[in-house]
Amino acid sequence: MASDVLPARSNPFVHARALSPEESIRRTESDRLLELAAGGHNAALHAPRRFGKTTLLKQVLESARERDMPGVLIDLSDVLSVADVAVRLEQAYQALPGAIRRLIGKELATVGLTTPLGGISIGRRAASAEPIAAVHALLELPAQIAERHGQRVLVVLDEFQALVSQEGLDGVFRSHIQHHRDVSYIFAGSEPSMMRALFEDRARPLYGQAERIQLGRLPDDEAYDFLIRLFEESGKQCSPEPASELVMIAEGHPQRLMLIGHALWERVAASSVASMSDLRVAHDATMRAVGPELRYLWEAMTTNERRVLSILASGLSPYQQDARLHTGLASTSSVARSVEGLESKSIVERADPKDRLRIVDPLLGRWVRQNGGARVQIHVFPHKDGFAVTDGPSLAFIRATCETLAEAEAEADRIAAGSRGSEVMIYDTTDPNDLPDWALLDG
């Protein structure tokens, strides 16, 4: 007898690996990169880690192949040597579809690099056994594919900034790339300062060789639609209030949106609807889960980097004199050095044309406010038939609900007493014009 029980749906919020191309929501950026490649232009794409860069690159390659533009993805992350670069290049070409690989079989046969247990070895059947000679030979393969295939070829070099550690190798790449008329390149990296060094420093060989594209945060409307769709397609629902709140607290960070969404989805029974209380529990569970990771990151920073991060988490500028004095930063030069270090690690970023600094990871910002000595903003405001107390500007951060304003103020003072430099903000009116937007979401 057939069973009426439907199979269990798996959690659609994937956060521990790169998404597959069909799961990506970066359509605008994908279309732009594909347009550049099809037009014979190179692009330098940079984004902080966990912003969906690798997923986007795979999506672009898949779209390129649908247009009969062969493509290859070469992962250069943490390359150790010139020989390692040669191995990465050859492995990428060996993984090409059979028909294309057969076109360059002869060339690959002359460059035999293997990675046996115990290290890298090079076995060339050509005249020279030098790793740099293998790199030169392998860098010519895209042009040979383009010539034989009769189509433009797309080469994606992921974590390209790793070449900075290999002196002179960016010049070797340029010596080939500049002559490849029928090959388009996407240079992708997750360390903006190193990518700028490679492509914006006039003294570097690759200066001006690619159009710079920054992969930013997800727009709120796209993140909201994505969140609602994943719930619906998995047989569950998420009401507008928690969906909007989740989007707000994720701050457009793709992996953090997926991580909190994963925890929220787990709390909701099949065919049920996620509520604000579900989101609060999911958010707290997420913070506990990432706590060890964030503490490790915090402890790896210098003292001054922690001070700058605490100031930013407080919503202030580290260049403000009172903020510096409060945290013990000696001078603006100390701030500048610390900001440079935090930027190079993609912990902070320039958020707008005014170069306003902000923390890349919203969960790190939240963790610093809870554990790192940052100023905590405590809000008291009318909520349903009483008053709510939050330790941040979000309904997801509600820590207590009280029947009277006096009880809510006492609870806010209790929370403030447990943290350094807290600021209590009390809203004793129900007038929407006098309340922050986030406090109106739940009616």
Protein backbone atom coordinates (compact mmCIF):
# COMPACT_ATOMS: atom_id res chain seq x y z
CA MET A 1 0.00 0.00 0.00
CA ALA A 2 1.37 3.41 -0.95
CA SER A 3 2.36 5.65 1.94
CA ASP A 4 0.85 9.12 2.32
CA VAL A 5 3.93 10.36 4.16
CA LEU A 6 5.96 12.78 2.05
CA PRO A 7 9.75 12.41 2.09
CA ALA A 8 11.55 14.79 4.42
CA ARG A 9 12.93 17.89 2.74
CA SER A 10 16.57 18.76 3.31
CA ASN A 11 17.57 22.18 4.59
CA PRO A 12 17.93 24.42 1.49
CA PHE A 13 20.13 26.99 3.23
CA VAL A 14 23.62 25.80 2.27
CA HIS A 15 26.30 27.71 4.17
CA ALA A 16 29.34 25.43 4.46
CA ARG A 17 30.26 25.19 0.78
CA ALA A 18 30.08 27.20 -2.42
CA LEU A 19 26.63 27.07 -4.00
CA SER A 20 26.09 25.41 -7.33
CA PRO A 21 25.53 27.80 -10.27
CA GLU A 22 21.78 27.17 -10.32
CA GLU A 23 21.57 28.10 -6.61
CA SER A 24 23.23 31.49 -7.10
CA ILE A 25 21.33 34.76 -6.94
CA ARG A 26 24.14 36.93 -8.36
CA ARG A 27 22.51 37.38 -11.78
CA THR A 28 23.48 41.03 -12.28
CA GLU A 29 27.16 40.46 -11.58
CA SER A 30 27.18 37.24 -13.62
CA ASP A 31 25.70 39.00 -16.63
CA ARG A 32 28.25 41.83 -16.37
CA LEU A 33 31.24 39.48 -16.20
CA LEU A 34 29.91 37.43 -19.10
CA GLU A 35 29.35 40.59 -21.15
CA LEU A 36 32.96 41.68 -20.56
CA ALA A 37 34.33 38.25 -21.43
CA ALA A 38 32.28 37.98 -24.61
CA GLY A 39 33.56 41.41 -25.66
CA GLY A 40 37.19 40.40 -25.21
CA HIS A 41 37.74 42.33 -21.98
CA ASN A 42 39.50 41.19 -18.81
CA ALA A 43 38.02 41.72 -15.34
CA ALA A 44 39.55 41.87 -11.86
CA LEU A 45 36.89 40.73 -9.40
CA HIS A 46 37.42 41.10 -5.69
CA ALA A 47 35.24 40.32 -2.70
CA PRO A 48 35.67 39.35 0.95
CA ARG A 49 35.64 35.66 1.67
CA ARG A 50 32.19 34.05 1.94
CA PHE A 51 30.61 36.62 -0.36
CA GLY A 52 29.77 34.05 -3.03
CA LYS A 53 32.71 34.75 -5.31
CA THR A 54 33.45 31.12 -6.23
CA THR A 55 29.77 30.39 -6.83
CA LEU A 56 29.57 33.43 -9.11
CA LEU A 57 32.64 32.35 -11.07
CA LYS A 58 31.22 28.88 -11.64
CA GLN A 59 27.96 30.44 -12.77
CA VAL A 60 29.81 32.64 -15.28
CA LEU A 61 31.73 29.66 -16.64
CA GLU A 62 28.55 27.63 -17.04
CA SER A 63 26.84 30.50 -18.88
CA ALA A 64 29.91 30.95 -21.08
CA ARG A 65 29.85 27.28 -22.08
CA GLU A 66 26.18 27.60 -22.98
CA ARG A 67 27.32 30.31 -25.42
CA ASP A 68 29.93 27.92 -26.83
CA MET A 69 32.73 29.80 -25.05
CA PRO A 70 35.00 27.15 -23.49
CA GLY A 71 36.18 28.05 -20.01
CA VAL A 72 38.52 26.86 -17.30
CA LEU A 73 38.70 27.62 -13.57
CA ILE A 74 42.20 27.69 -12.05
CA ASP A 75 42.39 27.81 -8.25
CA LEU A 76 45.55 29.55 -7.07
CA SER A 77 44.68 29.76 -3.38
CA ASP A 78 47.71 29.42 -1.09
CA VAL A 79 50.15 28.52 -3.86
CA LEU A 80 53.52 27.57 -2.41
CA SER A 81 55.91 27.91 -5.32
CA VAL A 82 56.31 28.28 -9.07
CA ALA A 83 56.09 24.51 -9.34
CA ASP A 84 52.80 24.59 -7.43
CA VAL A 85 51.45 27.19 -9.88
CA ALA A 86 52.39 24.89 -12.76
CA VAL A 87 50.57 21.99 -11.10
CA ARG A 88 47.43 24.09 -10.55
CA LEU A 89 47.43 25.13 -14.22
CA GLU A 90 47.87 21.61 -15.52
CA GLN A 91 45.26 20.11 -13.21
CA ALA A 92 42.71 22.68 -14.38
CA TYR A 93 43.34 21.88 -18.06
CA GLN A 94 43.29 18.14 -17.40
CA ALA A 95 39.78 18.60 -15.94
CA LEU A 96 38.37 20.18 -19.12
CA PRO A 97 35.66 18.27 -21.01
CA GLY A 98 37.03 15.49 -23.20
CA ALA A 99 36.52 17.13 -26.60
CA ILE A 100 38.40 20.28 -25.61
CA ARG A 101 41.05 18.41 -23.72
CA ARG A 102 41.76 16.24 -26.74
CA LEU A 103 42.45 19.40 -28.75
CA ILE A 104 45.38 20.23 -26.46
CA GLY A 105 46.40 16.66 -25.66
CA LYS A 106 49.72 16.98 -27.44
CA GLU A 107 50.70 20.10 -25.52
CA LEU A 108 49.67 18.57 -22.18
CA ALA A 109 51.64 15.45 -23.00
CA THR A 110 54.85 17.49 -23.07
CA VAL A 111 54.23 18.89 -19.59
CA GLY A 112 53.92 16.10 -17.06
CA LEU A 113 53.51 17.41 -13.52
CA THR A 114 52.32 15.23 -10.70
CA THR A 115 51.56 15.72 -7.02
CA PRO A 116 52.47 12.42 -5.36
CA LEU A 117 52.23 11.82 -1.65
CA GLY A 118 55.13 13.64 -0.12
CA GLY A 119 55.35 16.64 -2.44
CA ILE A 120 55.38 18.05 -5.93
CA SER A 121 57.46 16.49 -8.64
CA ILE A 122 57.95 17.57 -12.23
CA GLY A 123 58.50 15.17 -15.06
CA ARG A 124 58.71 16.98 -18.39
CA ARG A 125 59.30 15.11 -21.55
CA ALA A 126 60.36 18.40 -23.14
CA ALA A 127 63.89 19.72 -23.09
CA SER A 128 63.71 21.66 -19.83
CA ALA A 129 62.65 20.47 -16.40
CA GLU A 130 62.40 23.94 -14.87
CA PRO A 131 59.03 24.76 -13.23
CA ILE A 132 58.98 28.22 -14.79
CA ALA A 133 59.30 26.63 -18.25
CA ALA A 134 56.24 24.52 -17.47
CA VAL A 135 54.32 27.65 -16.41
CA HIS A 136 55.24 29.38 -19.68
CA ALA A 137 54.07 26.38 -21.69
CA LEU A 138 50.81 26.04 -19.78
CA LEU A 139 49.99 29.74 -20.04
CA GLU A 140 49.94 29.39 -23.83
CA LEU A 141 47.28 26.67 -23.79
CA PRO A 142 44.24 29.04 -23.72
CA ALA A 143 45.38 30.70 -26.95
CA GLN A 144 45.92 27.28 -28.54
CA ILE A 145 42.45 26.17 -27.47
CA ALA A 146 40.95 29.34 -28.94
CA GLU A 147 42.77 28.83 -32.23
CA ARG A 148 41.85 25.18 -32.60
CA HIS A 149 38.32 25.46 -31.26
CA GLY A 150 37.58 28.57 -33.29
CA GLN A 151 35.90 30.28 -30.33
CA ARG A 152 36.83 32.77 -27.63
CA VAL A 153 38.09 31.10 -24.44
CA LEU A 154 37.42 32.24 -20.88
CA VAL A 155 40.07 31.67 -18.19
CA VAL A 156 39.13 32.30 -14.55
CA LEU A 157 42.02 32.61 -12.10
CA ASP A 158 40.61 32.36 -8.57
CA GLU A 159 42.51 33.73 -5.54
CA PHE A 160 44.87 35.39 -7.99
CA GLN A 161 46.33 37.62 -5.27
CA ALA A 162 48.34 34.59 -4.10
CA LEU A 163 50.80 35.40 -6.89
CA VAL A 164 51.99 38.39 -4.85
CA SER A 165 54.06 35.95 -2.77
CA GLN A 166 55.76 34.61 -5.91
CA GLU A 167 58.11 37.38 -6.97
CA GLY A 168 57.96 38.22 -10.67
CA LEU A 169 55.25 35.70 -11.54
CA ASP A 170 52.62 38.33 -12.32
CA GLY A 171 55.04 39.59 -14.98
CA VAL A 172 55.25 36.08 -16.42
CA PHE A 173 51.45 35.94 -16.65
CA ARG A 174 51.31 39.32 -18.35
CA SER A 175 53.95 38.32 -20.91
CA HIS A 176 51.44 35.78 -22.25
CA ILE A 177 48.09 37.40 -21.50
CA GLN A 178 48.86 40.60 -23.38
CA HIS A 179 49.17 38.66 -26.66
CA HIS A 180 45.99 36.56 -26.29
CA ARG A 181 43.44 38.30 -28.52
CA ASP A 182 40.87 35.51 -28.37
CA VAL A 183 41.13 34.76 -24.66
CA SER A 184 39.32 36.66 -21.89
CA TYR A 185 40.52 36.54 -18.30
CA ILE A 186 38.78 37.00 -14.96
CA PHE A 187 41.26 37.57 -12.12
CA ALA A 188 39.42 36.96 -8.86
CA GLY A 189 40.63 37.52 -5.32
CA SER A 190 39.45 37.80 -1.74
CA GLU A 191 42.08 40.22 -0.42
CA PRO A 192 41.28 43.68 -1.85
CA SER A 193 44.57 45.31 -0.86
CA MET A 194 46.61 42.67 -2.71
CA MET A 195 44.32 42.83 -5.74
CA ARG A 196 44.78 46.58 -5.80
CA ALA A 197 48.54 46.09 -5.57
CA LEU A 198 48.47 43.84 -8.63
CA PHE A 199 46.18 45.90 -10.87
CA GLU A 200 46.31 49.51 -9.65
CA ASP A 201 50.00 50.00 -8.90
CA ARG A 202 51.62 51.53 -11.99
CA ALA A 203 54.84 49.73 -11.19
CA ARG A 204 53.22 46.27 -11.43
CA PRO A 205 53.13 44.37 -14.75
CA LEU A 206 49.33 43.89 -14.69
CA TYR A 207 48.51 47.56 -14.13
CA GLY A 208 45.53 48.55 -16.28
CA GLN A 209 45.09 45.04 -17.69
CA ALA A 210 41.57 44.44 -16.32
CA GLU A 211 38.39 46.27 -15.40
CA ARG A 212 38.01 46.27 -11.64
CA ILE A 213 34.72 44.92 -10.27
CA GLN A 214 33.84 44.72 -6.59
CA LEU A 215 31.38 42.05 -5.50
CA GLY A 216 29.26 43.84 -2.94
CA ARG A 217 26.60 42.87 -0.46
CA LEU A 218 23.30 41.39 -1.54
CA PRO A 219 20.57 44.00 -2.11
CA ASP A 220 17.84 43.72 0.53
CA ASP A 221 15.05 43.02 -1.95
CA GLU A 222 16.97 40.20 -3.64
CA ALA A 223 17.95 38.67 -0.30
CA TYR A 224 14.33 38.85 0.91
CA ASP A 225 12.92 37.22 -2.23
CA PHE A 226 15.62 34.53 -2.08
CA LEU A 227 14.83 33.78 1.56
CA ILE A 228 11.07 33.53 0.99
CA ARG A 229 11.56 31.34 -2.08
CA LEU A 230 13.82 28.82 -0.32
CA PHE A 231 11.28 28.41 2.47
CA GLU A 232 8.38 27.96 0.08
CA GLU A 233 10.20 25.51 -2.18
CA SER A 234 11.07 23.36 0.84
CA GLY A 235 7.47 23.13 2.07
CA LYS A 236 7.74 25.71 4.84
CA GLN A 237 6.85 29.39 5.14
CA CYS A 238 8.50 32.49 6.56
CA SER A 239 6.26 35.41 7.37
CA PRO A 240 7.32 38.90 6.24
CA GLU A 241 8.39 40.18 9.68
CA PRO A 242 11.09 37.59 10.48
CA ALA A 243 12.17 37.52 6.83
CA SER A 244 12.71 41.30 6.86
CA GLU A 245 14.51 41.13 10.19
CA LEU A 246 16.80 38.33 9.03
CA VAL A 247 17.74 40.33 5.94
CA MET A 248 18.48 43.36 8.10
CA ILE A 249 20.69 41.58 10.65
CA ALA A 250 22.58 39.72 7.88
CA GLU A 251 23.45 43.12 6.32
CA GLY A 252 23.72 41.69 2.83
CA HIS A 253 26.43 39.19 3.81
CA PRO A 254 25.58 36.11 1.69
CA GLN A 255 27.03 33.39 3.91
CA ARG A 256 25.64 34.91 7.11
CA LEU A 257 22.19 35.16 5.50
CA MET A 258 22.40 31.46 4.68
CA LEU A 259 23.76 30.55 8.10
CA ILE A 260 20.99 32.26 10.07
CA GLY A 261 18.43 31.08 7.51
CA HIS A 262 19.67 27.51 8.05
CA ALA A 263 19.14 27.79 11.82
CA LEU A 264 15.70 29.36 11.33
CA TRP A 265 14.59 26.67 8.87
CA GLU A 266 15.61 23.97 11.35
CA ARG A 267 13.31 25.44 14.00
CA VAL A 268 10.20 25.39 11.80
CA ALA A 269 8.11 22.25 11.46
CA ALA A 270 7.02 21.04 8.02
CA SER A 271 4.19 23.15 6.54
CA SER A 272 4.58 25.67 9.39
CA VAL A 273 5.44 29.37 9.37
CA ALA A 274 8.59 30.91 10.87
CA SER A 275 7.85 33.54 13.50
CA MET A 276 9.81 36.33 15.17
CA SER A 277 10.34 34.17 18.25
CA ASP A 278 11.78 31.46 15.98
CA LEU A 279 14.17 34.01 14.50
CA ARG A 280 15.33 35.19 17.92
CA VAL A 281 16.16 31.63 18.97
CA ALA A 282 17.81 30.92 15.60
CA HIS A 283 19.94 34.05 15.84
CA ASP A 284 21.10 33.22 19.36
CA ALA A 285 21.90 29.65 18.29
CA THR A 286 23.91 30.98 15.37
CA MET A 287 25.89 33.29 17.63
CA ARG A 288 26.74 30.38 19.91
CA ALA A 289 27.80 28.28 16.92
CA VAL A 290 30.16 30.91 15.50
CA GLY A 291 31.46 32.03 18.90
CA PRO A 292 34.66 29.91 18.89
CA GLU A 293 35.47 30.98 15.32
CA LEU A 294 35.02 34.67 16.14
CA ARG A 295 36.97 34.44 19.38
CA TYR A 296 39.88 32.83 17.51
CA LEU A 297 39.77 35.68 14.98
CA TRP A 298 39.62 38.27 17.77
CA GLU A 299 42.58 36.79 19.64
CA ALA A 300 44.66 36.75 16.45
CA MET A 301 44.33 40.54 16.11
CA THR A 302 46.74 43.08 17.55
CA THR A 303 45.59 45.12 20.54
CA ASN A 304 45.11 48.22 18.40
CA GLU A 305 43.15 46.27 15.78
CA ARG A 306 40.80 45.15 18.56
CA ARG A 307 40.43 48.74 19.69
CA VAL A 308 39.52 49.90 16.20
CA LEU A 309 37.04 47.05 15.82
CA SER A 310 35.41 47.90 19.15
CA ILE A 311 34.97 51.50 18.04
CA LEU A 312 33.43 50.45 14.73
CA ALA A 313 31.12 47.99 16.50
CA SER A 314 29.98 50.91 18.66
CA GLY A 315 28.89 52.80 15.56
CA LEU A 316 31.68 55.36 15.83
CA SER A 317 34.70 56.34 13.76
CA PRO A 318 38.15 55.35 15.05
CA TYR A 319 39.38 58.75 13.89
CA GLN A 320 37.17 60.53 16.46
CA GLN A 321 39.32 61.82 19.31
CA ASP A 322 36.91 60.84 22.09
CA ALA A 323 36.61 57.31 20.69
CA ARG A 324 40.40 56.97 20.54
CA LEU A 325 40.79 58.22 24.09
CA HIS A 326 38.09 55.87 25.35
CA THR A 327 39.79 52.80 23.90
CA GLY A 328 43.41 53.84 24.43
CA LEU A 329 44.46 54.41 20.82
CA ALA A 330 47.47 56.72 20.93
CA SER A 331 47.17 58.57 17.63
CA THR A 332 45.59 58.72 14.19
CA SER A 333 48.71 57.04 12.78
CA SER A 334 48.02 54.06 15.07
CA VAL A 335 44.47 54.01 13.73
CA ALA A 336 45.67 54.12 10.12
CA ARG A 337 48.06 51.21 10.62
CA SER A 338 45.41 49.12 12.34
CA VAL A 339 42.79 49.92 9.71
CA GLU A 340 45.25 48.89 6.99
CA GLY A 341 45.84 45.58 8.75
CA LEU A 342 42.12 44.93 9.21
CA GLU A 343 41.42 45.81 5.58
CA SER A 344 44.15 43.49 4.33
CA LYS A 345 42.47 40.65 6.25
CA SER A 346 39.03 41.65 4.89
CA ILE A 347 37.76 42.21 8.43
CA VAL A 348 36.73 45.80 7.68
CA GLU A 349 35.86 47.47 4.40
CA ARG A 350 35.18 50.87 2.90
CA ALA A 351 31.40 50.97 2.74
CA ASP A 352 30.64 53.92 0.45
CA PRO A 353 32.22 56.68 -1.66
CA LYS A 354 32.97 58.57 1.55
CA ASP A 355 35.21 55.67 2.63
CA ARG A 356 33.13 55.01 5.74
CA LEU A 357 34.60 52.00 7.52
CA ARG A 358 32.45 49.10 8.59
CA ILE A 359 32.90 45.53 9.79
CA VAL A 360 32.49 43.03 6.95
CA ASP A 361 30.89 40.26 9.04
CA PRO A 362 27.72 41.39 10.87
CA LEU A 363 28.02 38.48 13.29
CA LEU A 364 31.53 39.61 14.21
CA GLY A 365 30.18 43.09 14.88
CA ARG A 366 27.49 41.60 17.09
CA TRP A 367 30.07 39.40 18.89
CA VAL A 368 32.33 42.38 19.58
CA ARG A 369 29.39 44.29 21.06
CA GLN A 370 28.73 41.35 23.36
CA ASN A 371 32.31 40.36 24.21
CA GLY A 372 34.81 42.90 22.97
CA GLY A 373 34.13 45.99 25.04
CA ALA A 374 32.15 47.87 22.40
CA ARG A 375 29.34 50.22 23.33
CA VAL A 376 26.03 48.38 23.50
CA GLN A 377 22.86 50.18 22.42
CA ILE A 378 19.90 49.16 24.55
CA HIS A 379 16.46 50.14 23.29
CA VAL A 380 13.18 50.38 25.20
CA PHE A 381 10.09 50.89 23.05
CA PRO A 382 6.33 50.16 22.91
CA HIS A 383 5.69 46.62 21.75
CA LYS A 384 2.24 45.08 21.40
CA ASP A 385 0.50 45.65 24.76
CA GLY A 386 3.61 46.54 26.72
CA PHE A 387 7.27 47.42 26.21
CA ALA A 388 10.22 45.53 24.77
CA VAL A 389 13.92 45.74 25.61
CA THR A 390 16.55 44.96 22.96
CA ASP A 391 20.34 45.05 23.09
CA GLY A 392 20.58 46.14 19.46
CA PRO A 393 18.53 47.83 16.74
CA SER A 394 16.42 44.83 15.78
CA LEU A 395 13.37 42.95 16.97
CA ALA A 396 15.51 39.82 16.69
CA PHE A 397 17.53 41.18 19.64
CA ILE A 398 14.60 41.40 22.09
CA ARG A 399 15.82 40.36 25.51
CA ALA A 400 12.68 41.03 27.54
CA THR A 401 9.08 42.15 27.27
CA CYS A 402 7.50 44.03 30.15
CA GLU A 403 4.01 45.23 31.01
CA THR A 404 5.07 48.72 32.09
CA LEU A 405 7.65 51.28 31.05
CA ALA A 406 9.16 51.32 34.54
CA GLU A 407 9.76 47.57 34.42
CA ALA A 408 11.32 47.88 30.96
CA GLU A 409 13.63 50.69 32.11
CA ALA A 410 14.76 48.62 35.08
CA GLU A 411 15.53 45.68 32.79
CA ALA A 412 17.46 47.97 30.43
CA ASP A 413 19.51 49.27 33.37
CA ARG A 414 20.23 45.70 34.45
CA ILE A 415 21.54 44.80 30.97
CA ALA A 416 23.55 48.02 30.81
CA ALA A 417 25.20 47.28 34.14
CA GLY A 418 26.65 44.10 32.68
CA SER A 419 28.40 45.81 29.77
CA ARG A 420 30.89 48.63 29.38
CA GLY A 421 29.82 51.97 27.95
CA SER A 422 26.19 51.04 27.26
CA GLU A 423 23.76 53.56 25.88
CA VAL A 424 20.10 53.23 26.83
CA MET A 425 17.57 54.71 24.41
CA ILE A 426 13.97 54.96 25.62
CA TYR A 427 11.00 55.50 23.33
CA ASP A 428 7.87 56.12 25.39
CA THR A 429 5.59 57.01 22.50
CA THR A 430 3.56 54.96 20.02
CA ASP A 431 3.82 57.64 17.35
CA PRO A 432 5.39 55.93 14.28
CA ASN A 433 7.16 59.18 13.40
CA ASP A 434 9.11 59.02 16.66
CA LEU A 435 10.08 55.34 16.47
CA PRO A 436 12.91 53.77 14.43
CA ASP A 437 11.75 51.86 11.37
CA TRP A 438 12.89 48.49 12.68
CA ALA A 439 10.69 48.88 15.79
CA LEU A 440 7.58 49.11 13.58
CA LEU A 441 8.01 45.81 11.73
CA ASP A 442 6.10 43.71 14.20
CA GLY A 443 3.24 46.11 14.60
